[in-house]
């Protein structure tokens, strides 16, 4: 009876991880955004670089999504292959790019360069993490080796 309860608990945890692996990535990125804004303020006061420049926005966006993807891979359920993890994020980032690019003709809230960064920088970060064989942040080699056994 206890073994069945443990197994059901493990399965429920995996289902919860399946539901939460993408929102957890965004939440981790949001948590890291506050220290990034502090660094941008320090950068502005020490070096005179504007906090709202597109260069500052670029490095903040790159770090935000790198942290989000790495946190998301740790929450990803064990039964979900990495290729489906990449597919889920790719679909979401495709919608993200579409939404940002639809605002490009008349940017109501930002500059054109910041909209382009918001649309395509996350895709670049995901491609980099997929192609990076040295650090293997997305655990592609571990997943591929374990699935062959």
Protein backbone atom coordinates (compact mmCIF):
# COMPACT_ATOMS: atom_id res chain seq x y z
CA UNK A 1 0.00 0.00 0.00
CA UNK A 2 2.81 2.43 0.89
CA UNK A 3 4.63 1.58 -2.34
CA UNK A 4 1.52 2.37 -4.37
CA UNK A 5 1.09 5.68 -2.58
CA UNK A 6 4.74 6.55 -3.23
CA UNK A 7 4.38 5.66 -6.90
CA UNK A 8 1.24 7.76 -7.25
CA UNK A 9 3.01 10.64 -5.50
CA UNK A 10 5.93 10.39 -7.92
CA UNK A 11 3.59 10.35 -10.90
CA UNK A 12 1.68 13.38 -9.61
CA UNK A 13 4.98 15.19 -9.08
CA UNK A 14 6.00 14.44 -12.67
CA UNK A 15 2.66 15.74 -13.97
CA UNK A 16 3.12 18.89 -11.89
CA UNK A 17 6.63 19.28 -13.33
CA UNK A 18 5.19 18.89 -16.85
CA UNK A 19 2.72 21.69 -16.20
CA UNK A 20 5.21 24.01 -14.49
CA UNK A 21 8.50 23.65 -16.37
CA UNK A 22 7.87 26.62 -18.69
CA UNK A 23 6.29 28.96 -16.09
CA UNK A 24 9.15 28.12 -13.71
CA UNK A 25 11.65 29.25 -16.34
CA UNK A 26 9.87 32.57 -16.68
CA UNK A 27 9.69 32.93 -12.90
CA UNK A 28 13.43 32.27 -12.54
CA UNK A 29 14.13 34.83 -15.24
CA UNK A 30 11.92 37.33 -13.44
CA UNK A 31 13.79 36.75 -10.17
CA UNK A 32 17.10 37.42 -11.91
CA UNK A 33 15.73 40.54 -13.59
CA UNK A 34 15.77 42.55 -10.35
CA UNK A 35 19.55 42.16 -9.79
CA UNK A 36 20.03 42.90 -13.50
CA UNK A 37 18.14 46.18 -13.12
CA UNK A 38 20.35 47.02 -10.15
CA UNK A 39 23.45 46.31 -12.26
CA UNK A 40 22.03 48.53 -15.00
CA UNK A 41 21.57 51.35 -12.47
CA UNK A 42 25.17 50.91 -11.33
CA UNK A 43 26.32 50.84 -14.95
CA UNK A 44 24.41 54.05 -15.59
CA UNK A 45 25.85 55.85 -12.58
CA UNK A 46 29.45 54.67 -12.99
CA UNK A 47 29.93 54.62 -16.74
CA UNK A 48 27.23 56.99 -17.94
CA UNK A 49 25.56 54.36 -20.14
CA UNK A 50 21.81 54.90 -20.19
CA UNK A 51 19.77 52.25 -18.47
CA UNK A 52 17.18 52.26 -21.24
CA UNK A 53 19.65 51.88 -24.13
CA UNK A 54 19.29 48.96 -26.49
CA UNK A 55 22.70 47.57 -25.44
CA UNK A 56 21.63 47.31 -21.81
CA UNK A 57 18.32 45.85 -22.90
CA UNK A 58 20.15 43.25 -25.00
CA UNK A 59 22.35 41.87 -22.24
CA UNK A 60 19.47 41.88 -19.77
CA UNK A 61 17.27 39.95 -22.20
CA UNK A 62 20.02 37.43 -22.97
CA UNK A 63 20.67 36.73 -19.28
CA UNK A 64 16.93 36.63 -18.48
CA UNK A 65 16.28 33.92 -21.05
CA UNK A 66 19.49 31.96 -20.38
CA UNK A 67 18.54 31.69 -16.70
CA UNK A 68 14.96 30.84 -17.64
CA UNK A 69 15.95 28.02 -20.00
CA UNK A 70 18.45 26.54 -17.56
CA UNK A 71 15.96 26.64 -14.68
CA UNK A 72 13.32 25.14 -16.92
CA UNK A 73 15.50 22.15 -17.86
CA UNK A 74 15.91 21.32 -14.16
CA UNK A 75 12.15 21.34 -13.60
CA UNK A 76 11.39 19.39 -16.80
CA UNK A 77 9.88 15.98 -16.00
CA UNK A 78 12.10 12.96 -16.51
CA UNK A 79 9.76 11.30 -19.00
CA UNK A 80 9.77 14.31 -21.34
CA UNK A 81 12.53 13.97 -23.94
CA UNK A 82 14.73 17.00 -24.49
CA UNK A 83 13.56 17.34 -28.09
CA UNK A 84 10.00 17.98 -26.82
CA UNK A 85 11.37 20.47 -24.30
CA UNK A 86 13.02 22.31 -27.19
CA UNK A 87 9.85 22.03 -29.29
CA UNK A 88 7.65 23.46 -26.51
CA UNK A 89 9.99 26.41 -26.00
CA UNK A 90 10.33 26.92 -29.76
CA UNK A 91 6.57 27.15 -30.24
CA UNK A 92 6.29 29.58 -27.34
CA UNK A 93 9.17 31.72 -28.65
CA UNK A 94 7.62 31.67 -32.13
CA UNK A 95 4.42 33.14 -30.70
CA UNK A 96 6.53 35.60 -28.73
CA UNK A 97 8.34 36.76 -31.89
CA UNK A 98 5.07 37.02 -33.79
CA UNK A 99 3.48 39.18 -31.09
CA UNK A 100 6.47 41.49 -30.82
CA UNK A 101 6.86 41.83 -34.58
CA UNK A 102 3.18 42.67 -34.97
CA UNK A 103 3.84 45.74 -32.79
CA UNK A 104 6.81 46.79 -34.94
CA UNK A 105 5.10 49.19 -37.40
CA UNK A 106 3.81 51.46 -34.63
CA UNK A 107 5.69 50.67 -31.41
CA UNK A 108 3.40 51.92 -28.64
CA UNK A 109 5.73 51.29 -25.71
CA UNK A 110 9.30 50.91 -26.92
CA UNK A 111 11.82 51.55 -29.65
CA UNK A 112 12.09 49.44 -32.79
CA UNK A 113 15.44 48.01 -31.72
CA UNK A 114 14.12 46.89 -28.33
CA UNK A 115 11.19 45.15 -30.02
CA UNK A 116 13.56 43.30 -32.35
CA UNK A 117 15.69 42.29 -29.34
CA UNK A 118 12.60 41.08 -27.46
CA UNK A 119 11.49 39.08 -30.49
CA UNK A 120 14.72 37.39 -31.55
CA UNK A 121 17.19 37.37 -28.64
CA UNK A 122 15.37 34.51 -26.83
CA UNK A 123 15.53 32.40 -29.99
CA UNK A 124 19.26 33.12 -30.23
CA UNK A 125 19.79 32.10 -26.60
CA UNK A 126 17.92 28.82 -27.13
CA UNK A 127 19.92 28.05 -30.27
CA UNK A 128 23.16 28.82 -28.43
CA UNK A 129 22.22 26.52 -25.54
CA UNK A 130 21.35 23.74 -27.99
CA UNK A 131 24.59 24.10 -29.96
CA UNK A 132 26.85 24.53 -26.90
CA UNK A 133 28.52 21.13 -26.55
CA UNK A 134 31.16 22.18 -23.99
CA UNK A 135 28.87 23.25 -21.15
CA UNK A 136 25.79 21.19 -22.13
CA UNK A 137 23.40 23.39 -20.15
CA UNK A 138 20.35 21.66 -21.63
CA UNK A 139 21.73 18.21 -20.78
CA UNK A 140 21.43 17.03 -24.38
CA UNK A 141 24.24 14.46 -24.18
CA UNK A 142 23.03 12.95 -20.89
CA UNK A 143 19.49 12.58 -22.19
CA UNK A 144 20.58 11.12 -25.50
CA UNK A 145 22.94 8.62 -23.86
CA UNK A 146 20.38 7.49 -21.30
CA UNK A 147 17.70 6.96 -23.94
CA UNK A 148 19.98 4.65 -25.97
CA UNK A 149 20.53 2.27 -23.04
